[in-house]
């Protein structure tokens, strides 16, 4: 037993000598394995305390701060507390920090030359945390990598792609490369949807189709309104571009897909062809044969006969054109039925279609209600509506194709003075407040007609308190209203 105790004592003595043996001296303090272990344990405790304090500050004190800014502040606090705590551990352990200045300089030089990439990423991380060009939660695009920022650390940044894949990106890439930050300040942005149509397609119908698809997509903002650009004459197509504004860029791919589906449907409904590159082969020698075989022959009763392969003629009855419902008319045709626009060229109608849109209301549906804010001007393309007061329950007027309503609240800056309900299936041309000025600038006669019609509705003006007791408004209501239009729209 004495021998075992002796051997055990020798082992512990040897281990004690190993752990207490001086390895080197730094800052006037000898370092051993046991001393290094003590510093390591205390450093781990400092890191845990620093992280706990930073998380507490993030959860309790920075609740109202934006997510990205909150994460950046918490990260900087964690690093500062860790650095201060490590210095306190060294100082309390007897290490003279003032004597480490030269050593720190030498280590810094070696750090700069030997670990250039790590140093660059470290400095870049500090820059990202303080300048905050990107923050946690931002949707960014860098070098064909699109995703959401999940975490920003000193060395790298973690990005989660739209497919749910986490990518660790060195911070230096965010400093040296151009970054697209879709969430920076204002998330509202404009996207471009290119599309080509066949030569011979009517540009007015193409514009109507593209704008109709954009306005029916819920993810597209109504203000700023969508626009259509005619980009170029391509080899096989007329190249257009649809421009729409969105406020949720993280769903940009989903929105583009939805717009493509709607565009295909709108173009197909209007018979507009989406071409593909092709070559046409023309054989001149058989053209006369083809003409002779397909030349129609007029029958005795006025019917048409076409030769068939056997040399006999086949009689065809003349097809009777089926009348089109107003719901199937193009917006260009509907606008031309209104007196203000009947003499407009296709180019002028195309510009008009960009400022307004068609909306179909079934019979007995409320278009706008009394006391609601007035944000739109309505022009009746087909059908009819009834104007009435819900407050008094009185009928005011009936309006038909070519007439308009909604101008009072827009011009006076007041809520709706009456409610409007459709009497039958009605198609309205809706112009929002921001685009009404552009329409009136190009169509001065419509501005005069609005002033004239509004001056006739003196009872509505009297209810608003804009008429004198004797029913006069300055010189004449028309002059006052015309000046009001000039003041609001500069016309």
Protein backbone atom coordinates (compact mmCIF):
# COMPACT_ATOMS: atom_id res chain seq x y z
CA UNK A 1 0.00 0.00 0.00
CA UNK A 2 2.89 2.34 0.80
CA UNK A 3 4.35 1.63 -2.65
CA UNK A 4 1.03 2.55 -4.37
CA UNK A 5 0.75 5.73 -2.34
CA UNK A 6 4.32 6.63 -3.16
CA UNK A 7 3.81 6.08 -6.89
CA UNK A 8 0.58 8.08 -6.85
CA UNK A 9 2.31 10.95 -5.08
CA UNK A 10 5.10 10.90 -7.67
CA UNK A 11 2.56 11.02 -10.52
CA UNK A 12 0.68 13.96 -9.03
CA UNK A 13 3.96 15.70 -8.31
CA UNK A 14 5.07 15.22 -11.92
CA UNK A 15 1.74 16.49 -13.24
CA UNK A 16 1.90 19.46 -10.89
CA UNK A 17 5.35 20.30 -12.15
CA UNK A 18 4.12 20.02 -15.76
CA UNK A 19 1.14 22.33 -15.20
CA UNK A 20 3.06 24.82 -13.07
CA UNK A 21 6.22 24.87 -15.15
CA UNK A 22 6.86 28.25 -16.77
CA UNK A 23 6.29 28.19 -20.51
CA UNK A 24 7.00 31.85 -21.28
CA UNK A 25 6.79 35.25 -19.70
CA UNK A 26 4.46 37.96 -21.00
CA UNK A 27 3.85 41.38 -19.49
CA UNK A 28 6.02 40.55 -16.45
CA UNK A 29 3.89 37.51 -15.66
CA UNK A 30 5.11 33.90 -16.11
CA UNK A 31 2.66 31.75 -18.06
CA UNK A 32 2.08 28.07 -17.29
CA UNK A 33 -0.50 25.52 -18.40
CA UNK A 34 -2.55 26.02 -15.25
CA UNK A 35 -2.43 29.81 -15.66
CA UNK A 36 -3.46 29.51 -19.32
CA UNK A 37 -6.34 27.23 -18.31
CA UNK A 38 -7.43 29.75 -15.68
CA UNK A 39 -7.41 32.58 -18.25
CA UNK A 40 -9.30 30.41 -20.73
CA UNK A 41 -12.04 29.59 -18.21
CA UNK A 42 -12.38 33.23 -17.19
CA UNK A 43 -12.48 34.29 -20.86
CA UNK A 44 -15.29 31.84 -21.56
CA UNK A 45 -17.20 33.22 -18.58
CA UNK A 46 -16.67 36.74 -19.95
CA UNK A 47 -17.99 35.70 -23.38
CA UNK A 48 -21.10 34.14 -21.85
CA UNK A 49 -21.75 37.23 -19.72
CA UNK A 50 -21.18 39.58 -22.70
CA UNK A 51 -23.56 37.61 -24.92
CA UNK A 52 -26.20 37.45 -22.16
CA UNK A 53 -26.02 41.21 -21.59
CA UNK A 54 -26.21 41.99 -25.34
CA UNK A 55 -29.22 39.69 -25.79
CA UNK A 56 -30.94 41.28 -22.79
CA UNK A 57 -30.34 44.76 -24.21
CA UNK A 58 -31.66 43.62 -27.61
CA UNK A 59 -34.84 42.11 -26.15
CA UNK A 60 -35.61 44.71 -23.51
CA UNK A 61 -34.12 48.07 -24.44
CA UNK A 62 -34.10 47.93 -28.25
CA UNK A 63 -37.59 46.54 -28.83
CA UNK A 64 -38.77 49.56 -30.82
CA UNK A 65 -35.62 49.77 -32.92
CA UNK A 66 -35.65 48.34 -36.46
CA UNK A 67 -34.59 44.69 -36.69
CA UNK A 68 -31.39 45.30 -38.67
CA UNK A 69 -30.26 48.19 -36.46
CA UNK A 70 -31.12 46.22 -33.32
CA UNK A 71 -29.00 43.26 -34.41
CA UNK A 72 -26.08 45.53 -35.36
CA UNK A 73 -26.11 47.33 -31.98
CA UNK A 74 -26.37 44.05 -30.06
CA UNK A 75 -23.43 42.58 -32.00
CA UNK A 76 -21.21 45.62 -31.40
CA UNK A 77 -22.08 45.61 -27.67
CA UNK A 78 -21.22 41.90 -27.43
CA UNK A 79 -17.80 42.44 -29.04
CA UNK A 80 -17.02 45.51 -26.89
CA UNK A 81 -17.99 43.76 -23.66
CA UNK A 82 -15.93 40.70 -24.64
CA UNK A 83 -12.85 42.83 -25.38
CA UNK A 84 -13.19 44.84 -22.16
CA UNK A 85 -13.79 41.68 -20.13
CA UNK A 86 -10.72 39.96 -21.62
CA UNK A 87 -8.56 42.98 -20.73
CA UNK A 88 -9.94 42.92 -17.18
CA UNK A 89 -9.10 39.20 -16.90
CA UNK A 90 -5.51 39.83 -18.00
CA UNK A 91 -5.14 42.82 -15.67
CA UNK A 92 -6.58 40.96 -12.68
CA UNK A 93 -4.29 38.00 -13.40
CA UNK A 94 -1.23 40.22 -12.94
CA UNK A 95 -0.32 40.75 -16.60
CA UNK A 96 1.18 44.23 -17.18
CA UNK A 97 -0.77 45.48 -20.20
CA UNK A 98 1.47 48.49 -20.75
CA UNK A 99 4.38 46.18 -21.53
CA UNK A 100 2.34 44.50 -24.29
CA UNK A 101 2.35 47.57 -26.54
CA UNK A 102 5.40 46.54 -28.55
CA UNK A 103 4.19 42.97 -28.75
CA UNK A 104 0.77 44.14 -29.93
CA UNK A 105 2.43 46.18 -32.67
CA UNK A 106 4.49 43.22 -33.82
CA UNK A 107 1.45 40.95 -33.76
CA UNK A 108 -0.50 43.56 -35.70
CA UNK A 109 2.15 43.64 -38.43
CA UNK A 110 2.17 39.85 -38.64
CA UNK A 111 -1.62 39.85 -38.57
CA UNK A 112 -1.73 42.29 -41.47
CA UNK A 113 0.76 40.42 -43.65
CA UNK A 114 0.02 36.83 -42.74
CA UNK A 115 -3.72 37.06 -42.38
CA UNK A 116 -4.64 39.64 -44.98
CA UNK A 117 -7.95 38.05 -45.94
CA UNK A 118 -9.02 37.62 -42.33
CA UNK A 119 -8.01 41.20 -41.53
CA UNK A 120 -9.90 42.50 -44.58
CA UNK A 121 -13.03 40.60 -43.59
CA UNK A 122 -12.67 41.81 -40.01
CA UNK A 123 -12.43 45.47 -41.02
CA UNK A 124 -15.23 44.99 -43.55
CA UNK A 125 -17.42 43.48 -40.83
CA UNK A 126 -16.81 46.48 -38.58
CA UNK A 127 -17.69 48.77 -41.50
CA UNK A 128 -20.93 46.91 -42.20
CA UNK A 129 -21.98 47.03 -38.55
CA UNK A 130 -21.38 50.77 -38.19
CA UNK A 131 -22.33 52.14 -41.63
CA UNK A 132 -25.18 49.63 -42.07
CA UNK A 133 -25.44 49.58 -45.89
CA UNK A 134 -27.08 46.21 -45.28
CA UNK A 135 -28.96 45.05 -42.21
CA UNK A 136 -30.48 41.85 -40.92
CA UNK A 137 -33.73 41.24 -42.78
CA UNK A 138 -32.73 43.14 -45.94
CA UNK A 139 -33.23 41.55 -49.34
CA UNK A 140 -29.92 41.99 -51.16
CA UNK A 141 -28.30 40.90 -54.40
CA UNK A 142 -24.54 40.56 -54.74
CA UNK A 143 -22.79 38.77 -57.61
CA UNK A 144 -25.93 36.94 -58.80
CA UNK A 145 -26.72 35.89 -55.23
CA UNK A 146 -30.21 36.98 -54.12
CA UNK A 147 -31.41 36.42 -50.59
CA UNK A 148 -32.25 37.78 -47.13
CA UNK A 149 -29.55 38.78 -44.63
CA UNK A 150 -29.83 36.49 -41.62
CA UNK A 151 -26.75 37.46 -39.58
CA UNK A 152 -23.80 39.84 -39.83
CA UNK A 153 -20.68 38.84 -37.89
CA UNK A 154 -17.16 40.21 -37.83
CA UNK A 155 -15.79 37.83 -40.47
CA UNK A 156 -18.76 36.89 -42.64
CA UNK A 157 -22.44 37.44 -43.36
CA UNK A 158 -25.05 34.69 -43.62
CA UNK A 159 -27.56 35.04 -46.46
CA UNK A 160 -30.62 32.89 -46.92
CA UNK A 161 -31.55 32.55 -50.58
CA UNK A 162 -35.13 32.49 -51.85
CA UNK A 163 -34.79 28.69 -52.08
CA UNK A 164 -34.03 28.45 -48.35
CA UNK A 165 -30.29 27.78 -48.77
CA UNK A 166 -27.94 29.45 -46.28
CA UNK A 167 -24.81 30.94 -47.87
CA UNK A 168 -21.85 32.25 -45.84
CA UNK A 169 -20.37 35.23 -47.66
CA UNK A 170 -17.06 36.90 -46.61
CA UNK A 171 -17.64 40.52 -45.62
CA UNK A 172 -15.03 41.80 -48.06
CA UNK A 173 -17.42 41.01 -50.94
CA UNK A 174 -19.89 43.58 -49.62
CA UNK A 175 -17.20 46.27 -49.59
CA UNK A 176 -15.49 45.57 -52.91
CA UNK A 177 -18.56 44.77 -55.05
CA UNK A 178 -21.72 46.62 -56.01
CA UNK A 179 -24.63 45.55 -53.84
CA UNK A 180 -28.30 45.81 -54.75
CA UNK A 181 -30.24 46.33 -51.53
CA UNK A 182 -33.93 45.97 -52.40
CA UNK A 183 -34.95 46.91 -48.84
CA UNK A 184 -32.74 49.99 -48.38
CA UNK A 185 -34.81 52.90 -46.98
CA UNK A 186 -37.87 52.50 -49.23
CA UNK A 187 -38.75 48.94 -50.33
CA UNK A 188 -40.83 50.31 -53.21
CA UNK A 189 -39.17 49.54 -56.55
CA UNK A 190 -40.00 49.22 -60.24
CA UNK A 191 -39.58 46.03 -62.23
CA UNK A 192 -39.43 45.60 -66.01
CA UNK A 193 -41.28 42.84 -67.87
CA UNK A 194 -40.09 42.58 -71.52
CA UNK A 195 -42.43 41.08 -74.08
CA UNK A 196 -42.45 40.83 -77.86
CA UNK A 197 -45.49 40.72 -80.15
CA UNK A 198 -45.82 39.90 -83.83
CA UNK A 199 -45.38 42.54 -86.50
CA UNK A 200 -48.76 43.90 -87.56
CA UNK A 201 -50.13 43.97 -84.01
CA UNK A 202 -51.92 47.19 -83.11
CA UNK A 203 -49.85 49.08 -80.55
CA UNK A 204 -52.98 50.47 -78.89
CA UNK A 205 -54.34 46.98 -78.23
CA UNK A 206 -50.95 45.81 -77.00
CA UNK A 207 -50.79 48.74 -74.57
CA UNK A 208 -54.32 48.00 -73.35
CA UNK A 209 -53.54 44.31 -72.84
CA UNK A 210 -50.31 44.94 -70.89
CA UNK A 211 -51.88 47.57 -68.63
CA UNK A 212 -54.97 45.42 -68.03
CA UNK A 213 -52.75 42.54 -66.89
CA UNK A 214 -50.78 44.82 -64.58
CA UNK A 215 -53.83 46.40 -62.97
CA UNK A 216 -55.48 43.04 -62.31
CA UNK A 217 -52.46 41.74 -60.39
CA UNK A 218 -52.87 42.43 -56.68
CA UNK A 219 -49.13 42.71 -56.02
CA UNK A 220 -48.75 45.66 -58.40
CA UNK A 221 -49.12 49.16 -56.92
CA UNK A 222 -51.67 51.51 -58.43
CA UNK A 223 -49.54 54.55 -57.59
CA UNK A 224 -47.18 55.13 -59.30
CA UNK A 225 -49.27 53.62 -62.10
CA UNK A 226 -47.91 50.99 -64.50
CA UNK A 227 -46.50 52.15 -67.81
CA UNK A 228 -45.75 50.60 -71.21
CA UNK A 229 -42.64 51.41 -73.24
CA UNK A 230 -42.13 50.56 -76.90
CA UNK A 231 -38.51 49.46 -76.76
CA UNK A 232 -37.48 48.57 -80.30
CA UNK A 233 -38.24 46.91 -83.63
CA UNK A 234 -36.75 43.44 -83.26
CA UNK A 235 -35.84 40.88 -85.91
CA UNK A 236 -39.06 38.94 -85.40
CA UNK A 237 -41.14 41.07 -83.04
CA UNK A 238 -42.15 44.47 -81.78
CA UNK A 239 -40.45 44.70 -78.42
CA UNK A 240 -42.44 46.26 -75.57
CA UNK A 241 -41.71 46.57 -71.87
CA UNK A 242 -44.19 46.66 -69.02
CA UNK A 243 -43.05 48.70 -66.00
CA UNK A 244 -44.80 48.15 -62.67
CA UNK A 245 -44.10 49.25 -59.09
CA UNK A 246 -44.09 46.84 -56.15
CA UNK A 247 -43.52 47.24 -52.40
CA UNK A 248 -42.60 43.66 -51.49
CA UNK A 249 -39.43 42.83 -53.43
CA UNK A 250 -38.94 39.49 -51.68
CA UNK A 251 -41.83 38.15 -53.81
CA UNK A 252 -40.43 39.53 -57.05
CA UNK A 253 -40.09 36.14 -58.76
CA UNK A 254 -43.60 35.08 -57.74
CA UNK A 255 -45.01 38.38 -58.99
CA UNK A 256 -43.20 38.12 -62.33
CA UNK A 257 -44.61 34.63 -62.83
CA UNK A 258 -48.15 35.83 -62.04
CA UNK A 259 -47.74 38.74 -64.47
CA UNK A 260 -46.54 36.39 -67.22
CA UNK A 261 -49.65 34.25 -66.79
CA UNK A 262 -51.92 37.31 -66.96
CA UNK A 263 -50.05 38.77 -69.94
CA UNK A 264 -50.41 35.55 -71.91
CA UNK A 265 -54.14 35.44 -71.14
CA UNK A 266 -54.74 39.10 -72.08
CA UNK A 267 -52.81 38.83 -75.35
CA UNK A 268 -54.55 35.59 -76.30
CA UNK A 269 -58.00 37.10 -75.61
CA UNK A 270 -57.22 39.97 -77.98
CA UNK A 271 -55.75 37.75 -80.69
CA UNK A 272 -52.26 39.23 -80.33
CA UNK A 273 -49.57 36.75 -81.34
CA UNK A 274 -46.33 36.24 -79.44
CA UNK A 275 -43.87 35.35 -82.25
CA UNK A 276 -40.83 33.15 -82.33
CA UNK A 277 -37.84 33.40 -84.69
CA UNK A 278 -38.74 31.89 -88.07
CA UNK A 279 -37.96 32.06 -91.79
CA UNK A 280 -40.51 32.27 -94.60
CA UNK A 281 -39.91 30.40 -97.89
CA UNK A 282 -41.59 31.95 -100.96
CA UNK A 283 -41.88 29.90 -104.21
CA UNK A 284 -42.74 32.28 -107.03
CA UNK A 285 -43.50 29.68 -109.74
CA UNK A 286 -46.48 28.06 -108.00
CA UNK A 287 -48.12 31.29 -106.93
CA UNK A 288 -50.31 31.47 -110.05
CA UNK A 289 -51.38 27.82 -109.59
CA UNK A 290 -52.34 28.47 -106.01
CA UNK A 291 -54.39 31.50 -107.03
CA UNK A 292 -56.27 29.57 -109.71
CA UNK A 293 -57.11 26.74 -107.33
CA UNK A 294 -58.34 28.97 -104.57
CA UNK A 295 -60.00 31.70 -106.69
CA UNK A 296 -63.60 31.99 -105.46
CA UNK A 297 -66.45 31.72 -107.98
CA UNK A 298 -69.60 33.79 -107.52
CA UNK A 299 -72.73 31.59 -107.61
CA UNK A 300 -76.12 32.44 -109.10
CA UNK A 301 -77.73 33.27 -105.75
CA UNK A 302 -74.78 35.37 -104.60
CA UNK A 303 -73.07 32.52 -102.73
CA UNK A 304 -69.34 31.84 -102.99
CA UNK A 305 -67.88 28.71 -104.65
CA UNK A 306 -64.28 27.53 -104.13
CA UNK A 307 -62.70 24.80 -106.36
CA UNK A 308 -61.76 21.62 -104.54
CA UNK A 309 -59.07 19.00 -105.33
CA UNK A 310 -61.33 17.10 -107.80
CA UNK A 311 -61.89 20.15 -109.97
CA UNK A 312 -65.46 20.62 -108.77
CA UNK A 313 -66.58 23.73 -106.94
CA UNK A 314 -67.80 23.78 -103.40
CA UNK A 315 -70.41 26.33 -102.43
CA UNK A 316 -69.89 28.26 -99.23
CA UNK A 317 -72.54 30.31 -97.55
CA UNK A 318 -71.60 33.84 -96.60
CA UNK A 319 -71.01 34.03 -92.85
CA UNK A 320 -73.13 36.51 -90.99
CA UNK A 321 -71.16 38.74 -88.64
CA UNK A 322 -72.18 38.34 -85.03
CA UNK A 323 -72.56 41.57 -83.12
CA UNK A 324 -70.04 42.04 -80.33
CA UNK A 325 -71.14 42.82 -76.83
CA UNK A 326 -69.79 46.08 -75.37
CA UNK A 327 -68.04 43.96 -72.77
CA UNK A 328 -65.93 42.46 -75.58
CA UNK A 329 -65.12 45.77 -77.27
CA UNK A 330 -61.62 47.10 -77.02
CA UNK A 331 -61.06 50.10 -74.79
CA UNK A 332 -60.03 52.06 -77.87
CA UNK A 333 -63.44 51.45 -79.51
CA UNK A 334 -65.29 52.34 -76.31
CA UNK A 335 -63.39 55.60 -75.91
CA UNK A 336 -64.07 56.56 -79.52
CA UNK A 337 -67.82 56.41 -78.76
CA UNK A 338 -67.36 59.31 -76.31
CA UNK A 339 -67.60 62.75 -77.91
CA UNK A 340 -64.46 64.10 -76.22
CA UNK A 341 -62.28 61.39 -77.75
CA UNK A 342 -64.01 60.45 -81.00
CA UNK A 343 -61.49 62.38 -83.12
CA UNK A 344 -58.41 61.21 -81.23
CA UNK A 345 -55.70 59.39 -83.14
CA UNK A 346 -54.45 55.96 -82.10
CA UNK A 347 -51.39 57.56 -80.50
CA UNK A 348 -53.55 59.91 -78.42
CA UNK A 349 -55.81 57.03 -77.39
CA UNK A 350 -52.80 54.96 -76.39
CA UNK A 351 -51.62 57.78 -74.12
CA UNK A 352 -55.14 58.07 -72.69
CA UNK A 353 -55.24 54.32 -71.95
CA UNK A 354 -52.03 54.72 -69.94
CA UNK A 355 -53.69 57.23 -67.63
CA UNK A 356 -56.94 55.35 -66.99
CA UNK A 357 -58.38 51.88 -67.03
CA UNK A 358 -61.64 50.09 -67.82
CA UNK A 359 -63.73 48.66 -65.00
CA UNK A 360 -66.92 46.61 -65.43
CA UNK A 361 -69.71 46.95 -62.86
CA UNK A 362 -72.76 44.65 -62.91
CA UNK A 363 -76.24 46.08 -62.46
CA UNK A 364 -77.35 47.43 -59.06
CA UNK A 365 -73.79 47.70 -57.73
CA UNK A 366 -72.55 50.70 -55.76
CA UNK A 367 -69.66 52.45 -57.52
CA UNK A 368 -68.92 55.03 -54.83
CA UNK A 369 -70.63 55.99 -51.59
CA UNK A 370 -71.62 59.28 -50.07
CA UNK A 371 -69.00 60.81 -47.70
CA UNK A 372 -66.24 58.51 -48.96
CA UNK A 373 -62.99 60.27 -50.00
CA UNK A 374 -62.91 61.09 -53.69
CA UNK A 375 -59.83 59.69 -55.39
CA UNK A 376 -61.11 58.86 -58.91
CA UNK A 377 -62.93 60.41 -61.84
CA UNK A 378 -65.40 58.18 -63.71
CA UNK A 379 -66.41 58.35 -67.38
CA UNK A 380 -69.30 56.15 -68.54
CA UNK A 381 -68.32 54.14 -71.64
CA UNK A 382 -71.49 52.04 -71.81
CA UNK A 383 -74.52 51.48 -69.59
CA UNK A 384 -76.04 53.90 -67.10
CA UNK A 385 -75.86 54.85 -63.44
CA UNK A 386 -78.12 56.47 -60.87
CA UNK A 387 -76.99 59.27 -58.54
CA UNK A 388 -78.82 59.43 -55.19
CA UNK A 389 -78.36 60.63 -51.63
CA UNK A 390 -78.25 57.91 -49.01
CA UNK A 391 -78.60 60.43 -46.19
CA UNK A 392 -81.88 61.89 -47.45
CA UNK A 393 -82.98 58.94 -49.56
CA UNK A 394 -83.61 61.18 -52.58
CA UNK A 395 -83.00 60.53 -56.26
CA UNK A 396 -80.70 63.10 -57.90
CA UNK A 397 -80.02 62.13 -61.53
CA UNK A 398 -79.40 59.36 -64.07
CA UNK A 399 -76.23 59.40 -66.17
CA UNK A 400 -75.68 57.54 -69.43
CA UNK A 401 -72.91 56.72 -71.90
CA UNK A 402 -70.57 59.67 -72.50
CA UNK A 403 -71.34 61.37 -69.18
CA UNK A 404 -69.11 61.47 -66.13
CA UNK A 405 -69.22 61.77 -62.34
CA UNK A 406 -66.86 62.07 -59.38
CA UNK A 407 -65.54 65.49 -60.36
CA UNK A 408 -66.99 67.42 -57.41
CA UNK A 409 -64.92 65.78 -54.67
CA UNK A 410 -61.77 65.92 -56.80
CA UNK A 411 -62.11 69.62 -57.62
CA UNK A 412 -63.35 70.76 -54.22
CA UNK A 413 -61.21 68.46 -52.09
CA UNK A 414 -64.28 67.24 -50.19
CA UNK A 415 -65.82 63.78 -49.59
CA UNK A 416 -68.33 62.37 -52.06
CA UNK A 417 -71.54 64.41 -52.05
CA UNK A 418 -73.73 61.51 -53.27
CA UNK A 419 -73.73 57.79 -53.94
CA UNK A 420 -73.68 56.25 -57.41
CA UNK A 421 -75.26 52.92 -58.35
CA UNK A 422 -75.34 51.13 -61.71
CA UNK A 423 -78.73 50.62 -63.35
CA UNK A 424 -77.41 47.89 -65.70
CA UNK A 425 -74.13 46.30 -66.66
CA UNK A 426 -71.89 49.35 -67.00
CA UNK A 427 -68.35 49.91 -68.22
CA UNK A 428 -66.54 52.85 -66.63
CA UNK A 429 -63.27 54.50 -67.56
CA UNK A 430 -61.57 55.27 -64.24
CA UNK A 431 -58.92 57.99 -63.93
CA UNK A 432 -57.15 58.40 -60.60
CA UNK A 433 -56.50 61.83 -59.10
CA UNK A 434 -52.79 61.88 -59.99
CA UNK A 435 -53.44 61.13 -63.68
CA UNK A 436 -56.44 63.42 -64.19
CA UNK A 437 -54.18 66.44 -64.69
CA UNK A 438 -52.37 64.76 -67.59
CA UNK A 439 -55.68 63.84 -69.24
CA UNK A 440 -57.10 67.36 -68.94
CA UNK A 441 -53.86 68.88 -70.28
CA UNK A 442 -54.24 66.87 -73.48
CA UNK A 443 -58.03 67.28 -73.73
CA UNK A 444 -58.96 70.89 -72.92
CA UNK A 445 -62.51 70.42 -74.20
CA UNK A 446 -63.07 67.80 -71.48
CA UNK A 447 -61.94 70.34 -68.87
CA UNK A 448 -64.48 72.87 -70.25
CA UNK A 449 -67.19 70.19 -70.27
CA UNK A 450 -66.42 69.32 -66.63
CA UNK A 451 -66.67 72.98 -65.65
CA UNK A 452 -69.92 73.42 -67.56
CA UNK A 453 -71.49 70.28 -66.09
CA UNK A 454 -70.38 71.15 -62.59
CA UNK A 455 -71.82 74.65 -62.88
CA UNK A 456 -75.20 73.09 -63.68
CA UNK A 457 -75.14 71.19 -60.42
CA UNK A 458 -75.57 74.30 -58.30
CA UNK A 459 -77.61 72.50 -55.68
CA UNK A 460 -74.66 70.21 -54.89
CA UNK A 461 -72.41 73.26 -54.60
CA UNK A 462 -74.93 74.95 -52.29
CA UNK A 463 -74.94 71.86 -50.05
CA UNK A 464 -71.16 72.19 -49.85
CA UNK A 465 -71.49 75.83 -48.78
CA UNK A 466 -69.67 77.16 -51.84
CA UNK A 467 -72.56 79.27 -53.19
CA UNK A 468 -73.77 82.63 -51.88
CA UNK A 469 -77.21 82.90 -50.39
CA UNK A 470 -78.55 84.31 -53.64
CA UNK A 471 -77.20 81.36 -55.56
CA UNK A 472 -74.34 83.24 -57.22
CA UNK A 473 -70.72 82.20 -57.02
CA UNK A 474 -68.67 85.22 -57.95
CA UNK A 475 -69.48 86.24 -61.51
CA UNK A 476 -70.74 82.87 -62.79
CA UNK A 477 -70.32 79.29 -61.49
CA UNK A 478 -68.63 78.28 -64.77
CA UNK A 479 -65.93 80.96 -64.43
CA UNK A 480 -65.30 80.07 -60.78
CA UNK A 481 -65.07 76.34 -61.51
CA UNK A 482 -62.86 76.94 -64.55
CA UNK A 483 -60.52 78.95 -62.34
CA UNK A 484 -60.62 76.12 -59.80
CA UNK A 485 -59.50 73.63 -62.46
CA UNK A 486 -56.73 76.02 -63.48
CA UNK A 487 -55.59 76.33 -59.88
CA UNK A 488 -55.58 72.58 -59.21
CA UNK A 489 -54.21 71.29 -62.51
CA UNK A 490 -52.49 74.28 -64.08
CA UNK A 491 -54.75 74.16 -67.16
